[in-house]
Amino acid sequence: MPHIVIKLISGPSQEQLKKAAEQIVEVVEKTLGKPKKYTSVSVEEYSFGEWPGVYDEFVKDKPNVIRKPEYTNPKTFT
């Protein structure tokens, strides 16, 4: 069933990440009708310097990114 991957720059605590994952699972259940017991969430943390590569590989010009960020320069976030 659904597996959600969160890619982000390192920083949030494990508690914050777990809380975010639980809230995401709730939204998936509520909006997509997928029971919580079938949904998994993983986290991939990157350094600030690694982020441009993540952006280029997984975000920039990708048709499956249905909510685009409001920046186009991943080095300055502008």
N, C-alpha and C. Protein backbone atom coordinates (compact mmCIF):
# COMPACT_ATOMS: atom_id res chain seq x y z
N MET A 1 0.85 -1.18 0.00
CA MET A 1 0.00 0.00 0.00
C MET A 1 0.89 1.24 0.00
N PRO A 2 0.39 2.37 0.45
CA PRO A 2 1.20 3.59 0.33
C PRO A 2 2.50 3.52 1.13
N HIS A 3 3.56 3.95 0.49
CA HIS A 3 4.82 4.19 1.19
C HIS A 3 5.24 5.60 0.84
N ILE A 4 5.37 6.43 1.86
CA ILE A 4 5.72 7.84 1.67
C ILE A 4 7.18 8.03 2.06
N VAL A 5 7.93 8.72 1.22
CA VAL A 5 9.33 9.02 1.50
C VAL A 5 9.46 10.52 1.72
N ILE A 6 10.01 10.89 2.86
CA ILE A 6 10.28 12.30 3.16
C ILE A 6 11.77 12.52 2.99
N LYS A 7 12.12 13.39 2.07
CA LYS A 7 13.52 13.77 1.86
C LYS A 7 13.64 15.21 2.38
N LEU A 8 14.60 15.45 3.26
CA LEU A 8 14.75 16.78 3.82
C LEU A 8 16.16 17.02 4.29
N ILE A 9 16.48 18.29 4.51
CA ILE A 9 17.77 18.65 5.07
C ILE A 9 17.73 18.29 6.55
N SER A 10 18.80 17.67 7.03
CA SER A 10 18.88 17.23 8.43
C SER A 10 18.59 18.39 9.38
N GLY A 11 18.01 18.03 10.50
CA GLY A 11 17.74 19.06 11.50
C GLY A 11 16.64 18.69 12.47
N PRO A 12 15.47 18.26 11.98
CA PRO A 12 14.39 17.93 12.91
C PRO A 12 14.78 16.75 13.80
N SER A 13 14.26 16.77 15.02
CA SER A 13 14.51 15.68 15.95
C SER A 13 13.73 14.44 15.54
N GLN A 14 14.10 13.30 16.10
CA GLN A 14 13.37 12.06 15.83
C GLN A 14 11.92 12.20 16.27
N GLU A 15 11.69 12.91 17.36
CA GLU A 15 10.32 13.13 17.83
C GLU A 15 9.52 13.93 16.81
N GLN A 16 10.10 14.97 16.26
CA GLN A 16 9.42 15.77 15.24
C GLN A 16 9.14 14.94 13.99
N LEU A 17 10.11 14.12 13.58
CA LEU A 17 9.93 13.29 12.40
C LEU A 17 8.83 12.26 12.62
N LYS A 18 8.79 11.65 13.79
CA LYS A 18 7.74 10.68 14.09
C LYS A 18 6.37 11.34 14.11
N LYS A 19 6.30 12.54 14.67
CA LYS A 19 5.02 13.27 14.70
C LYS A 19 4.57 13.60 13.28
N ALA A 20 5.48 14.06 12.44
CA ALA A 20 5.14 14.37 11.05
C ALA A 20 4.66 13.11 10.33
N ALA A 21 5.36 12.00 10.54
CA ALA A 21 4.97 10.74 9.90
C ALA A 21 3.56 10.33 10.31
N GLU A 22 3.26 10.42 11.59
CA GLU A 22 1.93 10.05 12.07
C GLU A 22 0.85 10.96 11.46
N GLN A 23 1.14 12.25 11.36
CA GLN A 23 0.17 13.17 10.76
C GLN A 23 -0.02 12.88 9.28
N ILE A 24 1.05 12.55 8.59
CA ILE A 24 0.95 12.20 7.17
C ILE A 24 0.09 10.95 7.00
N VAL A 25 0.30 9.96 7.84
CA VAL A 25 -0.49 8.72 7.77
C VAL A 25 -1.97 9.03 8.00
N GLU A 26 -2.27 9.93 8.93
CA GLU A 26 -3.66 10.33 9.18
C GLU A 26 -4.27 10.97 7.93
N VAL A 27 -3.53 11.84 7.28
CA VAL A 27 -4.02 12.50 6.07
C VAL A 27 -4.25 11.49 4.95
N VAL A 28 -3.33 10.56 4.78
CA VAL A 28 -3.48 9.53 3.74
C VAL A 28 -4.75 8.71 4.00
N GLU A 29 -4.97 8.37 5.25
CA GLU A 29 -6.18 7.60 5.58
C GLU A 29 -7.44 8.42 5.30
N LYS A 30 -7.42 9.67 5.73
CA LYS A 30 -8.61 10.52 5.60
C LYS A 30 -8.91 10.90 4.15
N THR A 31 -7.88 11.24 3.39
CA THR A 31 -8.12 11.76 2.04
C THR A 31 -8.09 10.69 0.95
N LEU A 32 -7.30 9.64 1.16
CA LEU A 32 -7.18 8.60 0.13
C LEU A 32 -7.89 7.30 0.51
N GLY A 33 -8.37 7.24 1.75
CA GLY A 33 -9.09 6.05 2.19
C GLY A 33 -8.23 4.83 2.40
N LYS A 34 -6.94 5.05 2.63
CA LYS A 34 -6.02 3.93 2.86
C LYS A 34 -5.84 3.75 4.36
N PRO A 35 -6.18 2.59 4.91
CA PRO A 35 -6.05 2.37 6.35
C PRO A 35 -4.61 2.59 6.85
N LYS A 36 -4.51 3.17 8.04
CA LYS A 36 -3.21 3.45 8.64
C LYS A 36 -2.32 2.21 8.71
N LYS A 37 -2.92 1.06 8.94
CA LYS A 37 -2.10 -0.15 9.13
C LYS A 37 -1.35 -0.55 7.87
N TYR A 38 -1.71 0.02 6.72
CA TYR A 38 -1.05 -0.32 5.47
C TYR A 38 -0.06 0.74 4.99
N THR A 39 0.04 1.85 5.70
CA THR A 39 0.86 2.96 5.24
C THR A 39 2.18 3.02 6.01
N SER A 40 3.26 3.17 5.27
CA SER A 40 4.58 3.31 5.89
C SER A 40 5.21 4.63 5.45
N VAL A 41 6.11 5.13 6.28
CA VAL A 41 6.79 6.40 6.02
C VAL A 41 8.27 6.21 6.33
N SER A 42 9.12 6.65 5.43
CA SER A 42 10.56 6.65 5.70
C SER A 42 11.09 8.07 5.54
N VAL A 43 12.24 8.31 6.16
CA VAL A 43 12.87 9.63 6.14
C VAL A 43 14.28 9.48 5.61
N GLU A 44 14.64 10.36 4.68
CA GLU A 44 16.00 10.42 4.16
C GLU A 44 16.51 11.83 4.42
N GLU A 45 17.54 11.93 5.24
CA GLU A 45 18.09 13.24 5.60
C GLU A 45 19.36 13.52 4.81
N TYR A 46 19.51 14.77 4.40
CA TYR A 46 20.65 15.21 3.60
C TYR A 46 21.24 16.47 4.21
N SER A 47 22.50 16.72 3.89
CA SER A 47 23.12 17.98 4.31
C SER A 47 22.67 19.09 3.37
N PHE A 48 22.87 20.32 3.79
CA PHE A 48 22.52 21.47 2.96
C PHE A 48 23.26 21.38 1.62
N GLY A 49 24.51 20.97 1.65
CA GLY A 49 25.31 20.88 0.43
C GLY A 49 24.85 19.78 -0.52
N GLU A 50 24.21 18.76 0.02
CA GLU A 50 23.70 17.67 -0.82
C GLU A 50 22.36 18.00 -1.47
N TRP A 51 21.67 18.99 -0.92
CA TRP A 51 20.30 19.25 -1.36
C TRP A 51 20.16 19.57 -2.84
N PRO A 52 21.05 20.36 -3.45
CA PRO A 52 20.90 20.63 -4.89
C PRO A 52 20.84 19.34 -5.72
N GLY A 53 21.62 18.33 -5.35
CA GLY A 53 21.57 17.07 -6.06
C GLY A 53 20.25 16.35 -5.88
N VAL A 54 19.71 16.41 -4.67
CA VAL A 54 18.39 15.81 -4.40
C VAL A 54 17.33 16.53 -5.24
N TYR A 55 17.37 17.85 -5.24
CA TYR A 55 16.42 18.65 -6.01
C TYR A 55 16.49 18.28 -7.49
N ASP A 56 17.71 18.24 -8.02
CA ASP A 56 17.87 17.92 -9.45
C ASP A 56 17.37 16.51 -9.78
N GLU A 57 17.65 15.56 -8.92
CA GLU A 57 17.29 14.17 -9.20
C GLU A 57 15.81 13.85 -8.98
N PHE A 58 15.22 14.44 -7.95
CA PHE A 58 13.87 14.02 -7.56
C PHE A 58 12.77 15.07 -7.74
N VAL A 59 13.13 16.34 -7.95
CA VAL A 59 12.11 17.40 -7.98
C VAL A 59 12.06 18.13 -9.31
N LYS A 60 13.18 18.67 -9.72
CA LYS A 60 13.25 19.53 -10.91
C LYS A 60 12.71 18.82 -12.15
N ASP A 61 11.71 19.43 -12.75
CA ASP A 61 11.13 18.95 -14.01
C ASP A 61 10.56 17.53 -13.94
N LYS A 62 10.20 17.07 -12.76
CA LYS A 62 9.65 15.72 -12.62
C LYS A 62 8.12 15.79 -12.66
N PRO A 63 7.48 15.09 -13.58
CA PRO A 63 6.02 15.17 -13.70
C PRO A 63 5.27 14.56 -12.51
N ASN A 64 5.92 13.69 -11.75
CA ASN A 64 5.24 13.07 -10.61
C ASN A 64 5.26 13.94 -9.36
N VAL A 65 5.98 15.07 -9.38
CA VAL A 65 5.97 16.00 -8.25
C VAL A 65 4.72 16.86 -8.41
N ILE A 66 3.69 16.55 -7.62
CA ILE A 66 2.40 17.23 -7.80
C ILE A 66 2.26 18.48 -6.95
N ARG A 67 3.17 18.70 -6.04
CA ARG A 67 3.23 19.97 -5.29
C ARG A 67 4.67 20.43 -5.39
N LYS A 68 4.91 21.40 -6.27
CA LYS A 68 6.26 21.91 -6.50
C LYS A 68 6.64 22.92 -5.42
N PRO A 69 7.94 23.00 -5.06
CA PRO A 69 8.37 24.01 -4.10
C PRO A 69 8.28 25.39 -4.73
N GLU A 70 8.30 26.39 -3.89
CA GLU A 70 8.20 27.77 -4.38
C GLU A 70 9.58 28.40 -4.54
N TYR A 71 10.57 27.59 -4.84
CA TYR A 71 11.90 28.07 -5.16
C TYR A 71 12.38 27.32 -6.40
N THR A 72 13.32 27.92 -7.10
CA THR A 72 13.89 27.25 -8.27
C THR A 72 15.39 27.08 -8.13
N ASN A 73 15.98 27.73 -7.12
CA ASN A 73 17.42 27.59 -6.88
C ASN A 73 17.61 26.86 -5.56
N PRO A 74 17.97 25.57 -5.60
CA PRO A 74 18.09 24.80 -4.37
C PRO A 74 19.32 25.15 -3.53
N LYS A 75 20.19 26.02 -4.04
CA LYS A 75 21.36 26.45 -3.25
C LYS A 75 21.00 27.63 -2.35
N THR A 76 20.05 28.44 -2.78
CA THR A 76 19.70 29.65 -2.00
C THR A 76 18.22 29.66 -1.59
N PHE A 77 17.46 28.71 -2.10
CA PHE A 77 16.02 28.62 -1.84
C PHE A 77 15.27 29.88 -2.26
N THR A 78 15.69 30.41 -3.40
CA THR A 78 14.98 31.59 -3.96
C THR A 78 14.38 31.21 -5.29
